[in-house]
């Protein structure tokens, strides 16, 4: 079943900006492993809190990404940038909506 994976990251002190940049390297690689979309969100009230989100059609594709050589090496290289443990959460998408725009106006 298609789902969204949420990975809450919490940057170590003075590394919020650098953590955001580091996530900019690894998050797009999800597309190589079957993700249909990805995003990184940063909390405005707590700039050390970042949330990585990726949509996958199968959990096996997610596990290939998370446990693959690229992500393992990334976590090793940037391990001082975030607090551990890092636990991901698989969410089944049960409802979705989106406003479509054409020329800046909503389309029904």
PDB file of N, CA and C in Angstrom:
ATOM      1  N   UNK A   1       0.851  -1.179   0.000  1.00  0.00           N
ATOM      2  CA  UNK A   1       0.000   0.000   0.000  1.00  0.00           C
ATOM      3  C   UNK A   1       0.892   1.237   0.000  1.00  0.00           C
ATOM      4  N   UNK A   2       0.536   2.207  -0.788  1.00  0.00           N
ATOM      5  CA  UNK A   2       1.289   3.461  -0.849  1.00  0.00           C
ATOM      6  C   UNK A   2       1.270   4.147   0.507  1.00  0.00           C
ATOM      7  N   UNK A   3       2.370   4.802   0.797  1.00  0.00           N
ATOM      8  CA  UNK A   3       2.441   5.480   2.073  1.00  0.00           C
ATOM      9  C   UNK A   3       3.440   6.608   2.082  1.00  0.00           C
ATOM     10  N   UNK A   4       3.384   7.353   3.152  1.00  0.00           N
ATOM     11  CA  UNK A   4       4.317   8.449   3.386  1.00  0.00           C
ATOM     12  C   UNK A   4       5.195   8.085   4.570  1.00  0.00           C
ATOM     13  N   UNK A   5       6.469   8.337   4.431  1.00  0.00           N
ATOM     14  CA  UNK A   5       7.397   8.101   5.521  1.00  0.00           C
ATOM     15  C   UNK A   5       7.767   9.453   6.105  1.00  0.00           C
ATOM     16  N   UNK A   6       7.642   9.580   7.416  1.00  0.00           N
ATOM     17  CA  UNK A   6       8.043  10.789   8.133  1.00  0.00           C
ATOM     18  C   UNK A   6       9.298  10.457   8.933  1.00  0.00           C
ATOM     19  N   UNK A   7      10.327  11.265   8.752  1.00  0.00           N
ATOM     20  CA  UNK A   7      11.557  11.114   9.530  1.00  0.00           C
ATOM     21  C   UNK A   7      11.783  12.419  10.273  1.00  0.00           C
ATOM     22  N   UNK A   8      11.516  12.440  11.566  1.00  0.00           N
ATOM     23  CA  UNK A   8      11.774  13.659  12.332  1.00  0.00           C
ATOM     24  C   UNK A   8      13.257  13.731  12.711  1.00  0.00           C
ATOM     25  N   UNK A   9      13.918  14.773  12.261  1.00  0.00           N
ATOM     26  CA  UNK A   9      15.325  15.013  12.592  1.00  0.00           C
ATOM     27  C   UNK A   9      15.382  16.160  13.587  1.00  0.00           C
ATOM     28  N   UNK A  10      16.305  16.073  14.518  1.00  0.00           N
ATOM     29  CA  UNK A  10      16.526  17.182  15.439  1.00  0.00           C
ATOM     30  C   UNK A  10      18.009  17.512  15.420  1.00  0.00           C
ATOM     31  N   UNK A  11      18.328  18.683  14.887  1.00  0.00           N
ATOM     32  CA  UNK A  11      19.719  19.095  14.716  1.00  0.00           C
ATOM     33  C   UNK A  11      20.370  19.395  16.063  1.00  0.00           C
ATOM     34  N   UNK A  12      21.664  19.138  16.128  1.00  0.00           N
ATOM     35  CA  UNK A  12      22.418  19.495  17.321  1.00  0.00           C
ATOM     36  C   UNK A  12      22.662  21.006  17.309  1.00  0.00           C
ATOM     37  N   UNK A  13      23.055  21.511  18.439  1.00  0.00           N
ATOM     38  CA  UNK A  13      23.167  22.961  18.628  1.00  0.00           C
ATOM     39  C   UNK A  13      24.064  23.605  17.563  1.00  0.00           C
ATOM     40  N   UNK A  14      23.609  24.717  17.044  1.00  0.00           N
ATOM     41  CA  UNK A  14      24.273  25.533  16.015  1.00  0.00           C
ATOM     42  C   UNK A  14      24.359  24.851  14.660  1.00  0.00           C
ATOM     43  N   UNK A  15      23.667  23.718  14.477  1.00  0.00           N
ATOM     44  CA  UNK A  15      23.784  23.004  13.205  1.00  0.00           C
ATOM     45  C   UNK A  15      22.468  22.926  12.434  1.00  0.00           C
ATOM     46  N   UNK A  16      21.488  23.733  12.788  1.00  0.00           N
ATOM     47  CA  UNK A  16      20.209  23.691  12.088  1.00  0.00           C
ATOM     48  C   UNK A  16      20.340  23.990  10.602  1.00  0.00           C
ATOM     49  N   UNK A  17      21.080  25.043  10.255  1.00  0.00           N
ATOM     50  CA  UNK A  17      21.246  25.405   8.849  1.00  0.00           C
ATOM     51  C   UNK A  17      22.038  24.342   8.098  1.00  0.00           C
ATOM     52  N   UNK A  18      23.075  23.837   8.725  1.00  0.00           N
ATOM     53  CA  UNK A  18      23.899  22.819   8.077  1.00  0.00           C
ATOM     54  C   UNK A  18      23.132  21.507   7.914  1.00  0.00           C
ATOM     55  N   UNK A  19      22.258  21.204   8.888  1.00  0.00           N
ATOM     56  CA  UNK A  19      21.434  19.999   8.778  1.00  0.00           C
ATOM     57  C   UNK A  19      20.451  20.135   7.621  1.00  0.00           C
ATOM     58  N   UNK A  20      19.871  21.322   7.479  1.00  0.00           N
ATOM     59  CA  UNK A  20      18.966  21.566   6.355  1.00  0.00           C
ATOM     60  C   UNK A  20      19.694  21.340   5.028  1.00  0.00           C
ATOM     61  N   UNK A  21      20.906  21.846   4.909  1.00  0.00           N
ATOM     62  CA  UNK A  21      21.696  21.655   3.688  1.00  0.00           C
ATOM     63  C   UNK A  21      22.016  20.178   3.465  1.00  0.00           C
ATOM     64  N   UNK A  22      22.359  19.473   4.539  1.00  0.00           N
ATOM     65  CA  UNK A  22      22.677  18.055   4.423  1.00  0.00           C
ATOM     66  C   UNK A  22      21.459  17.252   3.958  1.00  0.00           C
ATOM     67  N   UNK A  23      20.286  17.582   4.483  1.00  0.00           N
ATOM     68  CA  UNK A  23      19.070  16.897   4.042  1.00  0.00           C
ATOM     69  C   UNK A  23      18.784  17.193   2.571  1.00  0.00           C
ATOM     70  N   UNK A  24      19.210  18.359   2.110  1.00  0.00           N
ATOM     71  CA  UNK A  24      19.063  18.689   0.695  1.00  0.00           C
ATOM     72  C   UNK A  24      19.871  17.770  -0.211  1.00  0.00           C
ATOM     73  N   UNK A  25      20.855  17.101   0.337  1.00  0.00           N
ATOM     74  CA  UNK A  25      21.642  16.141  -0.438  1.00  0.00           C
ATOM     75  C   UNK A  25      20.979  14.772  -0.495  1.00  0.00           C
ATOM     76  N   UNK A  26      20.418  14.326   0.628  1.00  0.00           N
ATOM     77  CA  UNK A  26      19.921  12.948   0.692  1.00  0.00           C
ATOM     78  C   UNK A  26      18.443  12.831   0.320  1.00  0.00           C
ATOM     79  N   UNK A  27      17.629  13.820   0.624  1.00  0.00           N
ATOM     80  CA  UNK A  27      16.185  13.710   0.373  1.00  0.00           C
ATOM     81  C   UNK A  27      15.852  13.460  -1.098  1.00  0.00           C
ATOM     82  N   UNK A  28      16.458  14.179  -2.057  1.00  0.00           N
ATOM     83  CA  UNK A  28      16.117  13.934  -3.465  1.00  0.00           C
ATOM     84  C   UNK A  28      16.489  12.543  -3.961  1.00  0.00           C
ATOM     85  N   UNK A  29      17.446  11.883  -3.311  1.00  0.00           N
ATOM     86  CA  UNK A  29      17.838  10.544  -3.744  1.00  0.00           C
ATOM     87  C   UNK A  29      16.706   9.536  -3.582  1.00  0.00           C
ATOM     88  N   UNK A  30      15.710   9.858  -2.781  1.00  0.00           N
ATOM     89  CA  UNK A  30      14.571   8.952  -2.606  1.00  0.00           C
ATOM     90  C   UNK A  30      13.914   8.647  -3.953  1.00  0.00           C
ATOM     91  N   UNK A  31      13.948   9.607  -4.864  1.00  0.00           N
ATOM     92  CA  UNK A  31      13.333   9.407  -6.181  1.00  0.00           C
ATOM     93  C   UNK A  31      14.006   8.274  -6.953  1.00  0.00           C
ATOM     94  N   UNK A  32      15.281   8.059  -6.712  1.00  0.00           N
ATOM     95  CA  UNK A  32      16.006   6.967  -7.380  1.00  0.00           C
ATOM     96  C   UNK A  32      15.555   5.594  -6.890  1.00  0.00           C
ATOM     97  N   UNK A  33      14.930   5.575  -5.722  1.00  0.00           N
ATOM     98  CA  UNK A  33      14.529   4.312  -5.106  1.00  0.00           C
ATOM     99  C   UNK A  33      13.021   4.090  -5.168  1.00  0.00           C
ATOM    100  N   UNK A  34      12.342   4.845  -6.008  1.00  0.00           N
ATOM    101  CA  UNK A  34      10.917   4.620  -6.199  1.00  0.00           C
ATOM    102  C   UNK A  34       9.994   5.601  -5.514  1.00  0.00           C
ATOM    103  N   UNK A  35      10.532   6.592  -4.833  1.00  0.00           N
ATOM    104  CA  UNK A  35       9.664   7.598  -4.217  1.00  0.00           C
ATOM    105  C   UNK A  35       8.967   8.396  -5.320  1.00  0.00           C
ATOM    106  N   UNK A  36       7.744   8.786  -5.055  1.00  0.00           N
ATOM    107  CA  UNK A  36       7.005   9.607  -6.019  1.00  0.00           C
ATOM    108  C   UNK A  36       7.083  11.084  -5.666  1.00  0.00           C
ATOM    109  N   UNK A  37       7.484  11.387  -4.445  1.00  0.00           N
ATOM    110  CA  UNK A  37       7.675  12.768  -4.023  1.00  0.00           C
ATOM    111  C   UNK A  37       8.477  12.779  -2.727  1.00  0.00           C
ATOM    112  N   UNK A  38       9.066  13.931  -2.447  1.00  0.00           N
ATOM    113  CA  UNK A  38       9.788  14.107  -1.191  1.00  0.00           C
ATOM    114  C   UNK A  38       9.650  15.561  -0.763  1.00  0.00           C
ATOM    115  N   UNK A  39       9.890  15.806   0.507  1.00  0.00           N
ATOM    116  CA  UNK A  39       9.857  17.170   1.041  1.00  0.00           C
ATOM    117  C   UNK A  39      10.675  17.197   2.322  1.00  0.00           C
ATOM    118  N   UNK A  40      11.185  18.367   2.637  1.00  0.00           N
ATOM    119  CA  UNK A  40      11.815  18.612   3.929  1.00  0.00           C
ATOM    120  C   UNK A  40      11.163  19.864   4.487  1.00  0.00           C
ATOM    121  N   UNK A  41      10.647  19.770   5.697  1.00  0.00           N
ATOM    122  CA  UNK A  41      10.000  20.890   6.371  1.00  0.00           C
ATOM    123  C   UNK A  41      10.855  21.292   7.561  1.00  0.00           C
ATOM    124  N   UNK A  42      10.914  22.594   7.822  1.00  0.00           N
ATOM    125  CA  UNK A  42      11.655  23.093   8.987  1.00  0.00           C
ATOM    126  C   UNK A  42      10.703  23.894   9.856  1.00  0.00           C
ATOM    127  N   UNK A  43      10.718  23.584  11.135  1.00  0.00           N
ATOM    128  CA  UNK A  43       9.816  24.218  12.086  1.00  0.00           C
ATOM    129  C   UNK A  43      10.246  25.670  12.324  1.00  0.00           C
ATOM    130  N   UNK A  44       9.324  26.615  12.159  1.00  0.00           N
ATOM    131  CA  UNK A  44       9.651  28.023  12.382  1.00  0.00           C
ATOM    132  C   UNK A  44       9.824  28.360  13.857  1.00  0.00           C
ATOM    133  N   UNK A  45       9.109  27.668  14.729  1.00  0.00           N
ATOM    134  CA  UNK A  45       9.213  27.935  16.162  1.00  0.00           C
ATOM    135  C   UNK A  45      10.432  27.262  16.790  1.00  0.00           C
ATOM    136  N   UNK A  46      10.883  26.178  16.191  1.00  0.00           N
ATOM    137  CA  UNK A  46      12.054  25.448  16.680  1.00  0.00           C
ATOM    138  C   UNK A  46      12.930  25.107  15.471  1.00  0.00           C
ATOM    139  N   UNK A  47      13.845  25.987  15.106  1.00  0.00           N
ATOM    140  CA  UNK A  47      14.616  25.793  13.868  1.00  0.00           C
ATOM    141  C   UNK A  47      15.557  24.594  13.884  1.00  0.00           C
ATOM    142  N   UNK A  48      15.675  23.907  15.009  1.00  0.00           N
ATOM    143  CA  UNK A  48      16.480  22.688  15.050  1.00  0.00           C
ATOM    144  C   UNK A  48      15.656  21.460  14.666  1.00  0.00           C
ATOM    145  N   UNK A  49      14.352  21.632  14.551  1.00  0.00           N
ATOM    146  CA  UNK A  49      13.447  20.531  14.235  1.00  0.00           C
ATOM    147  C   UNK A  49      13.138  20.520  12.741  1.00  0.00           C
ATOM    148  N   UNK A  50      13.498  19.420  12.080  1.00  0.00           N
ATOM    149  CA  UNK A  50      13.244  19.258  10.651  1.00  0.00           C
ATOM    150  C   UNK A  50      12.479  17.959  10.429  1.00  0.00           C
ATOM    151  N   UNK A  51      11.652  17.943   9.425  1.00  0.00           N
ATOM    152  CA  UNK A  51      10.863  16.759   9.102  1.00  0.00           C
ATOM    153  C   UNK A  51      11.083  16.418   7.638  1.00  0.00           C
ATOM    154  N   UNK A  52      11.607  15.231   7.398  1.00  0.00           N
ATOM    155  CA  UNK A  52      11.771  14.724   6.036  1.00  0.00           C
ATOM    156  C   UNK A  52      10.582  13.825   5.730  1.00  0.00           C
ATOM    157  N   UNK A  53       9.979  14.013   4.553  1.00  0.00           N
ATOM    158  CA  UNK A  53       8.813  13.228   4.149  1.00  0.00           C
ATOM    159  C   UNK A  53       9.081  12.682   2.751  1.00  0.00           C
ATOM    160  N   UNK A  54       8.732  11.426   2.545  1.00  0.00           N
ATOM    161  CA  UNK A  54       8.845  10.823   1.223  1.00  0.00           C
ATOM    162  C   UNK A  54       7.654   9.905   1.004  1.00  0.00           C
ATOM    163  N   UNK A  55       7.136   9.909  -0.217  1.00  0.00           N
ATOM    164  CA  UNK A  55       6.010   9.039  -0.579  1.00  0.00           C
ATOM    165  C   UNK A  55       6.540   7.871  -1.411  1.00  0.00           C
ATOM    166  N   UNK A  56       6.174   6.670  -1.008  1.00  0.00           N
ATOM    167  CA  UNK A  56       6.585   5.459  -1.710  1.00  0.00           C
ATOM    168  C   UNK A  56       5.360   4.600  -1.993  1.00  0.00           C
ATOM    169  N   UNK A  57       5.392   3.897  -3.106  1.00  0.00           N
ATOM    170  CA  UNK A  57       4.308   2.966  -3.415  1.00  0.00           C
ATOM    171  C   UNK A  57       4.467   1.655  -2.654  1.00  0.00           C
ATOM    172  N   UNK A  58       5.700   1.343  -2.259  1.00  0.00           N
ATOM    173  CA  UNK A  58       5.893   0.110  -1.493  1.00  0.00           C
ATOM    174  C   UNK A  58       6.890   0.348  -0.364  1.00  0.00           C
ATOM    175  N   UNK A  59       6.680  -0.352   0.728  1.00  0.00           N
ATOM    176  CA  UNK A  59       7.577  -0.217   1.862  1.00  0.00           C
ATOM    177  C   UNK A  59       8.945  -0.809   1.534  1.00  0.00           C
ATOM    178  N   UNK A  60       8.987  -1.790   0.650  1.00  0.00           N
ATOM    179  CA  UNK A  60      10.262  -2.372   0.246  1.00  0.00           C
ATOM    180  C   UNK A  60      11.142  -1.327  -0.438  1.00  0.00           C
ATOM    181  N   UNK A  61      10.549  -0.486  -1.287  1.00  0.00           N
ATOM    182  CA  UNK A  61      11.318   0.587  -1.929  1.00  0.00           C
ATOM    183  C   UNK A  61      11.863   1.548  -0.872  1.00  0.00           C
ATOM    184  N   UNK A  62      11.039   1.879   0.122  1.00  0.00           N
ATOM    185  CA  UNK A  62      11.498   2.736   1.207  1.00  0.00           C
ATOM    186  C   UNK A  62      12.701   2.100   1.914  1.00  0.00           C
ATOM    187  N   UNK A  63      12.600   0.821   2.230  1.00  0.00           N
ATOM    188  CA  UNK A  63      13.676   0.156   2.951  1.00  0.00           C
ATOM    189  C   UNK A  63      14.956   0.095   2.119  1.00  0.00           C
ATOM    190  N   UNK A  64      14.828  -0.034   0.802  1.00  0.00           N
ATOM    191  CA  UNK A  64      16.011   0.002  -0.068  1.00  0.00           C
ATOM    192  C   UNK A  64      16.691   1.365   0.019  1.00  0.00           C
ATOM    193  N   UNK A  65      15.917   2.414   0.129  1.00  0.00           N
ATOM    194  CA  UNK A  65      16.462   3.767   0.277  1.00  0.00           C
ATOM    195  C   UNK A  65      17.094   3.958   1.657  1.00  0.00           C
ATOM    196  N   UNK A  66      16.339   3.683   2.704  1.00  0.00           N
ATOM    197  CA  UNK A  66      16.777   3.919   4.081  1.00  0.00           C
ATOM    198  C   UNK A  66      17.996   3.066   4.448  1.00  0.00           C
ATOM    199  N   UNK A  67      18.022   1.817   4.006  1.00  0.00           N
ATOM    200  CA  UNK A  67      19.093   0.895   4.360  1.00  0.00           C
ATOM    201  C   UNK A  67      20.183   0.799   3.294  1.00  0.00           C
ATOM    202  N   UNK A  68      20.017   1.540   2.196  1.00  0.00           N
ATOM    203  CA  UNK A  68      20.975   1.502   1.102  1.00  0.00           C
ATOM    204  C   UNK A  68      22.284   2.193   1.436  1.00  0.00           C
ATOM    205  N   UNK A  69      23.274   1.931   0.622  1.00  0.00           N
ATOM    206  CA  UNK A  69      24.627   2.446   0.857  1.00  0.00           C
ATOM    207  C   UNK A  69      24.662   3.976   0.920  1.00  0.00           C
ATOM    208  N   UNK A  70      23.879   4.646   0.078  1.00  0.00           N
ATOM    209  CA  UNK A  70      23.898   6.114   0.066  1.00  0.00           C
ATOM    210  C   UNK A  70      23.438   6.697   1.400  1.00  0.00           C
ATOM    211  N   UNK A  71      22.308   6.203   1.901  1.00  0.00           N
ATOM    212  CA  UNK A  71      21.771   6.768   3.145  1.00  0.00           C
ATOM    213  C   UNK A  71      22.615   6.341   4.347  1.00  0.00           C
ATOM    214  N   UNK A  72      23.137   5.135   4.325  1.00  0.00           N
ATOM    215  CA  UNK A  72      24.000   4.680   5.421  1.00  0.00           C
ATOM    216  C   UNK A  72      25.245   5.561   5.483  1.00  0.00           C
ATOM    217  N   UNK A  73      25.861   5.828   4.341  1.00  0.00           N
ATOM    218  CA  UNK A  73      27.053   6.685   4.302  1.00  0.00           C
ATOM    219  C   UNK A  73      26.713   8.112   4.728  1.00  0.00           C
ATOM    220  N   UNK A  74      25.550   8.608   4.295  1.00  0.00           N
ATOM    221  CA  UNK A  74      25.122   9.957   4.676  1.00  0.00           C
ATOM    222  C   UNK A  74      24.964  10.060   6.193  1.00  0.00           C
ATOM    223  N   UNK A  75      24.292   9.073   6.785  1.00  0.00           N
ATOM    224  CA  UNK A  75      24.099   9.100   8.238  1.00  0.00           C
ATOM    225  C   UNK A  75      25.435   9.041   8.975  1.00  0.00           C
ATOM    226  N   UNK A  76      26.378   8.284   8.464  1.00  0.00           N
ATOM    227  CA  UNK A  76      27.694   8.215   9.097  1.00  0.00           C
ATOM    228  C   UNK A  76      28.418   9.556   8.991  1.00  0.00           C
ATOM    229  N   UNK A  77      28.354  10.175   7.819  1.00  0.00           N
ATOM    230  CA  UNK A  77      29.052  11.443   7.617  1.00  0.00           C
ATOM    231  C   UNK A  77      28.467  12.577   8.457  1.00  0.00           C
ATOM    232  N   UNK A  78      27.139  12.599   8.586  1.00  0.00           N
ATOM    233  CA  UNK A  78      26.476  13.705   9.275  1.00  0.00           C
ATOM    234  C   UNK A  78      25.969  13.330  10.670  1.00  0.00           C
ATOM    235  N   UNK A  79      26.500  12.277  11.252  1.00  0.00           N
ATOM    236  CA  UNK A  79      25.988  11.800  12.543  1.00  0.00           C
ATOM    237  C   UNK A  79      26.117  12.837  13.657  1.00  0.00           C
ATOM    238  N   UNK A  80      27.030  13.762  13.546  1.00  0.00           N
ATOM    239  CA  UNK A  80      27.157  14.788  14.589  1.00  0.00           C
ATOM    240  C   UNK A  80      26.197  15.957  14.368  1.00  0.00           C
ATOM    241  N   UNK A  81      25.469  15.944  13.271  1.00  0.00           N
ATOM    242  CA  UNK A  81      24.545  17.036  12.948  1.00  0.00           C
ATOM    243  C   UNK A  81      23.170  16.844  13.565  1.00  0.00           C
ATOM    244  N   UNK A  82      22.837  15.633  14.008  1.00  0.00           N
ATOM    245  CA  UNK A  82      21.494  15.359  14.518  1.00  0.00           C
ATOM    246  C   UNK A  82      21.553  14.499  15.770  1.00  0.00           C
ATOM    247  N   UNK A  83      20.461  14.573  16.529  1.00  0.00           N
ATOM    248  CA  UNK A  83      20.363  13.788  17.757  1.00  0.00           C
ATOM    249  C   UNK A  83      19.788  12.409  17.437  1.00  0.00           C
ATOM    250  N   UNK A  84      20.240  11.437  18.187  1.00  0.00           N
ATOM    251  CA  UNK A  84      19.739  10.078  18.020  1.00  0.00           C
ATOM    252  C   UNK A  84      18.894   9.710  19.234  1.00  0.00           C
ATOM    253  N   UNK A  85      17.992   8.783  19.144  1.00  0.00           N
ATOM    254  CA  UNK A  85      17.754   7.940  17.979  1.00  0.00           C
ATOM    255  C   UNK A  85      16.919   8.647  16.917  1.00  0.00           C
ATOM    256  N   UNK A  86      17.049   8.174  15.695  1.00  0.00           N
ATOM    257  CA  UNK A  86      16.224   8.650  14.589  1.00  0.00           C
ATOM    258  C   UNK A  86      15.259   7.514  14.266  1.00  0.00           C
ATOM    259  N   UNK A  87      13.987   7.770  14.455  1.00  0.00           N
ATOM    260  CA  UNK A  87      12.952   6.773  14.188  1.00  0.00           C
ATOM    261  C   UNK A  87      12.052   7.293  13.081  1.00  0.00           C
ATOM    262  N   UNK A  88      11.852   6.484  12.073  1.00  0.00           N
ATOM    263  CA  UNK A  88      10.940   6.892  11.010  1.00  0.00           C
ATOM    264  C   UNK A  88       9.561   6.302  11.262  1.00  0.00           C
ATOM    265  N   UNK A  89       8.566   6.903  10.626  1.00  0.00           N
ATOM    266  CA  UNK A  89       7.176   6.465  10.791  1.00  0.00           C
ATOM    267  C   UNK A  89       6.550   6.312   9.419  1.00  0.00           C
ATOM    268  N   UNK A  90       6.027   5.128   9.139  1.00  0.00           N
ATOM    269  CA  UNK A  90       5.330   4.855   7.885  1.00  0.00           C
ATOM    270  C   UNK A  90       3.856   5.177   8.093  1.00  0.00           C
ATOM    271  N   UNK A  91       3.308   6.014   7.237  1.00  0.00           N
ATOM    272  CA  UNK A  91       1.896   6.386   7.306  1.00  0.00           C
ATOM    273  C   UNK A  91       1.205   5.937   6.023  1.00  0.00           C
ATOM    274  N   UNK A  92       0.075   5.262   6.164  1.00  0.00           N
ATOM    275  CA  UNK A  92      -0.745   4.951   4.996  1.00  0.00           C
ATOM    276  C   UNK A  92      -1.535   6.200   4.631  1.00  0.00           C
ATOM    277  N   UNK A  93      -1.525   6.547   3.373  1.00  0.00           N
ATOM    278  CA  UNK A  93      -2.293   7.705   2.919  1.00  0.00           C
ATOM    279  C   UNK A  93      -3.745   7.275   2.790  1.00  0.00           C
ATOM    280  N   UNK A  94      -4.607   7.872   3.577  1.00  0.00           N
ATOM    281  CA  UNK A  94      -6.016   7.516   3.551  1.00  0.00           C
ATOM    282  C   UNK A  94      -6.879   8.623   2.955  1.00  0.00           C
ATOM    283  N   UNK A  95      -6.342   9.823   2.882  1.00  0.00           N
ATOM    284  CA  UNK A  95      -7.096  10.943   2.312  1.00  0.00           C
ATOM    285  C   UNK A  95      -6.099  11.964   1.787  1.00  0.00           C
ATOM    286  N   UNK A  96      -6.421  12.569   0.652  1.00  0.00           N
ATOM    287  CA  UNK A  96      -5.517  13.555   0.057  1.00  0.00           C
ATOM    288  C   UNK A  96      -6.341  14.539  -0.740  1.00  0.00           C
ATOM    289  N   UNK A  97      -5.969  15.774  -0.684  1.00  0.00           N
ATOM    290  CA  UNK A  97      -6.626  16.802  -1.484  1.00  0.00           C
ATOM    291  C   UNK A  97      -5.606  17.812  -1.936  1.00  0.00           C
ATOM    292  N   UNK A  98      -5.947  18.507  -2.985  1.00  0.00           N
ATOM    293  CA  UNK A  98      -5.022  19.496  -3.522  1.00  0.00           C
ATOM    294  C   UNK A  98      -5.810  20.499  -4.353  1.00  0.00           C
ATOM    295  N   UNK A  99      -5.441  21.736  -4.242  1.00  0.00           N
ATOM    296  CA  UNK A  99      -6.045  22.792  -5.031  1.00  0.00           C
ATOM    297  C   UNK A  99      -5.221  22.965  -6.296  1.00  0.00           C
ATOM    298  N   UNK A 100      -5.840  22.790  -7.425  1.00  0.00           N
ATOM    299  CA  UNK A 100      -5.159  22.962  -8.704  1.00  0.00           C
ATOM    300  C   UNK A 100      -5.288  24.412  -9.153  1.00  0.00           C
ATOM    301  N   UNK A 101      -4.205  24.984  -9.634  1.00  0.00           N
ATOM    302  CA  UNK A 101      -4.194  26.361 -10.107  1.00  0.00           C
ATOM    303  C   UNK A 101      -3.846  26.415 -11.589  1.00  0.00           C
ATOM    304  N   UNK A 102      -4.538  27.276 -12.293  1.00  0.00           N
ATOM    305  CA  UNK A 102      -4.220  27.588 -13.682  1.00  0.00           C
ATOM    306  C   UNK A 102      -4.170  29.091 -13.793  1.00  0.00           C
ATOM    307  N   UNK A 103      -3.037  29.615 -14.213  1.00  0.00           N
ATOM    308  CA  UNK A 103      -2.854  31.055 -14.326  1.00  0.00           C
ATOM    309  C   UNK A 103      -3.157  31.773 -13.015  1.00  0.00           C
ATOM    310  N   UNK A 104      -2.788  31.143 -11.904  1.00  0.00           N
ATOM    311  CA  UNK A 104      -2.975  31.766 -10.600  1.00  0.00           C
ATOM    312  C   UNK A 104      -4.372  31.686 -10.046  1.00  0.00           C
ATOM    313  N   UNK A 105      -5.286  30.992 -10.722  1.00  0.00           N
ATOM    314  CA  UNK A 105      -6.669  30.873 -10.242  1.00  0.00           C
ATOM    315  C   UNK A 105      -7.008  29.402  -9.994  1.00  0.00           C
ATOM    316  N   UNK A 106      -7.833  29.180  -8.972  1.00  0.00           N
ATOM    317  CA  UNK A 106      -8.245  27.819  -8.622  1.00  0.00           C
ATOM    318  C   UNK A 106      -9.127  27.227  -9.719  1.00  0.00           C
ATOM    319  N   UNK A 107      -8.907  25.943  -9.980  1.00  0.00           N
ATOM    320  CA  UNK A 107      -9.711  25.214 -10.965  1.00  0.00           C
ATOM    321  C   UNK A 107     -10.570  24.211 -10.209  1.00  0.00           C
ATOM    322  N   UNK A 108     -11.840  24.185 -10.498  1.00  0.00           N
ATOM    323  CA  UNK A 108     -12.763  23.273  -9.802  1.00  0.00           C
ATOM    324  C   UNK A 108     -12.619  21.866 -10.308  1.00  0.00           C
TER     325      UNK A 108
END
